Amino acid sequence: MTKISAAVVRRALLCAALPLFVFLPAQSADGDKFPDGPGKAEFIKVCTQCHAVDPISTLRYSKEDWKDLVFDMKGKGADATDEECNIIVDYLAKNFPK
């Protein structure tokens, strides 16, 4: 029997949840939920290529979880450099921590 690491399970759960948000609007009626600051522009530019970002404001993950998620999205085709991904991870971890 093969043991599955917690990181693999976390990544699978995070990736399974994001497609549910594809059809939701990028901005809610109550305004922008994303604080200004370093990384916001990269986050909006990269993450809106494939899905709405508004639901992401409801998520709370550790920096490691955000990193797993962001780099998994890059692996699935998000057009971003590793540097941009790291900037996005820092932005999300700061503004939407676990």
Protein backbone atom coordinates (compact mmCIF):
# COMPACT_ATOMS: atom_id res chain seq x y z
CA MET A 1 0.00 0.00 0.00
CA THR A 2 1.35 3.43 -0.97
CA LYS A 3 1.33 6.31 1.50
CA ILE A 4 0.17 9.64 0.10
CA SER A 5 1.88 12.68 1.55
CA ALA A 6 -0.14 15.48 3.10
CA ALA A 7 1.25 17.92 0.51
CA VAL A 8 -0.05 15.77 -2.35
CA VAL A 9 -3.49 15.55 -0.77
CA ARG A 10 -3.52 19.33 -0.11
CA ARG A 11 -2.54 20.08 -3.69
CA ALA A 12 -5.22 17.77 -5.06
CA LEU A 13 -7.90 19.37 -2.90
CA LEU A 14 -6.83 22.89 -3.82
CA CYS A 15 -6.75 22.10 -7.52
CA ALA A 16 -10.11 20.35 -7.38
CA ALA A 17 -11.76 23.39 -5.78
CA LEU A 18 -10.58 26.12 -8.15
CA PRO A 19 -12.53 25.00 -11.25
CA LEU A 20 -15.72 25.53 -9.24
CA PHE A 21 -14.97 29.25 -9.27
CA VAL A 22 -14.56 29.68 -13.04
CA PHE A 23 -18.04 31.08 -13.65
CA LEU A 24 -18.16 33.49 -10.72
CA PRO A 25 -17.58 37.20 -11.34
CA ALA A 26 -14.10 38.62 -10.83
CA GLN A 27 -15.42 41.42 -8.61
CA SER A 28 -18.26 41.26 -6.14
CA ALA A 29 -20.99 43.85 -5.68
CA ASP A 30 -19.34 45.10 -2.47
CA GLY A 31 -16.12 46.06 -4.24
CA ASP A 32 -12.58 44.90 -4.62
CA LYS A 33 -11.61 42.33 -1.98
CA PHE A 34 -7.92 42.42 -2.82
CA PRO A 35 -5.71 44.86 -0.91
CA ASP A 36 -3.34 47.04 -2.87
CA GLY A 37 0.30 46.21 -2.46
CA PRO A 38 3.24 44.40 -3.97
CA GLY A 39 2.04 41.43 -5.99
CA LYS A 40 -1.54 42.50 -6.62
CA ALA A 41 -0.92 43.42 -10.25
CA GLU A 42 0.87 40.13 -10.95
CA PHE A 43 -1.88 38.19 -9.16
CA ILE A 44 -4.63 39.83 -11.22
CA LYS A 45 -2.68 39.56 -14.49
CA VAL A 46 -1.76 35.89 -14.12
CA CYS A 47 -4.74 34.42 -12.31
CA THR A 48 -7.46 36.02 -14.43
CA GLN A 49 -6.05 34.32 -17.53
CA CYS A 50 -8.05 31.22 -16.65
CA HIS A 51 -10.59 31.96 -13.93
CA ALA A 52 -12.28 34.56 -11.77
CA VAL A 53 -10.29 35.63 -8.72
CA ASP A 54 -13.04 36.90 -6.39
CA PRO A 55 -13.56 33.51 -4.66
CA ILE A 56 -9.86 33.37 -3.83
CA SER A 57 -10.43 36.13 -1.27
CA THR A 58 -12.41 33.63 0.81
CA LEU A 59 -9.55 31.13 0.99
CA ARG A 60 -7.07 30.98 3.86
CA TYR A 61 -3.91 28.94 3.30
CA SER A 62 -0.41 28.76 4.66
CA LYS A 63 2.38 30.14 2.51
CA GLU A 64 3.37 26.58 1.60
CA ASP A 65 -0.20 25.82 0.48
CA TRP A 66 -0.36 29.01 -1.61
CA LYS A 67 2.97 28.08 -3.18
CA ASP A 68 1.72 24.58 -4.03
CA LEU A 69 -1.42 26.04 -5.58
CA VAL A 70 0.24 28.82 -7.58
CA PHE A 71 2.97 26.60 -9.00
CA ASP A 72 0.43 23.90 -9.79
CA MET A 73 -1.52 26.48 -11.80
CA LYS A 74 1.70 27.38 -13.60
CA GLY A 75 2.15 23.69 -14.38
CA LYS A 76 -1.35 23.66 -15.83
CA GLY A 77 -0.50 26.49 -18.21
CA ALA A 78 -0.67 29.79 -16.33
CA ASP A 79 1.60 32.20 -18.19
CA ALA A 80 3.96 33.35 -15.44
CA THR A 81 7.63 33.23 -14.63
CA ASP A 82 8.88 31.61 -11.44
CA GLU A 83 9.61 35.11 -10.13
CA GLU A 84 6.03 36.23 -10.80
CA CYS A 85 4.73 33.07 -9.10
CA ASN A 86 6.83 33.80 -6.01
CA ILE A 87 5.55 37.39 -5.93
CA ILE A 88 1.97 36.10 -6.15
CA VAL A 89 2.62 33.56 -3.37
CA ASP A 90 3.96 36.33 -1.12
CA TYR A 91 0.94 38.53 -1.88
CA LEU A 92 -1.58 35.77 -1.16
CA ALA A 93 0.22 34.53 1.96
CA LYS A 94 0.35 38.07 3.38
CA ASN A 95 -3.24 39.00 2.60
CA PHE A 96 -5.04 35.65 2.92
CA PRO A 97 -3.13 33.68 5.58
CA LYS A 98 -4.25 30.52 7.30
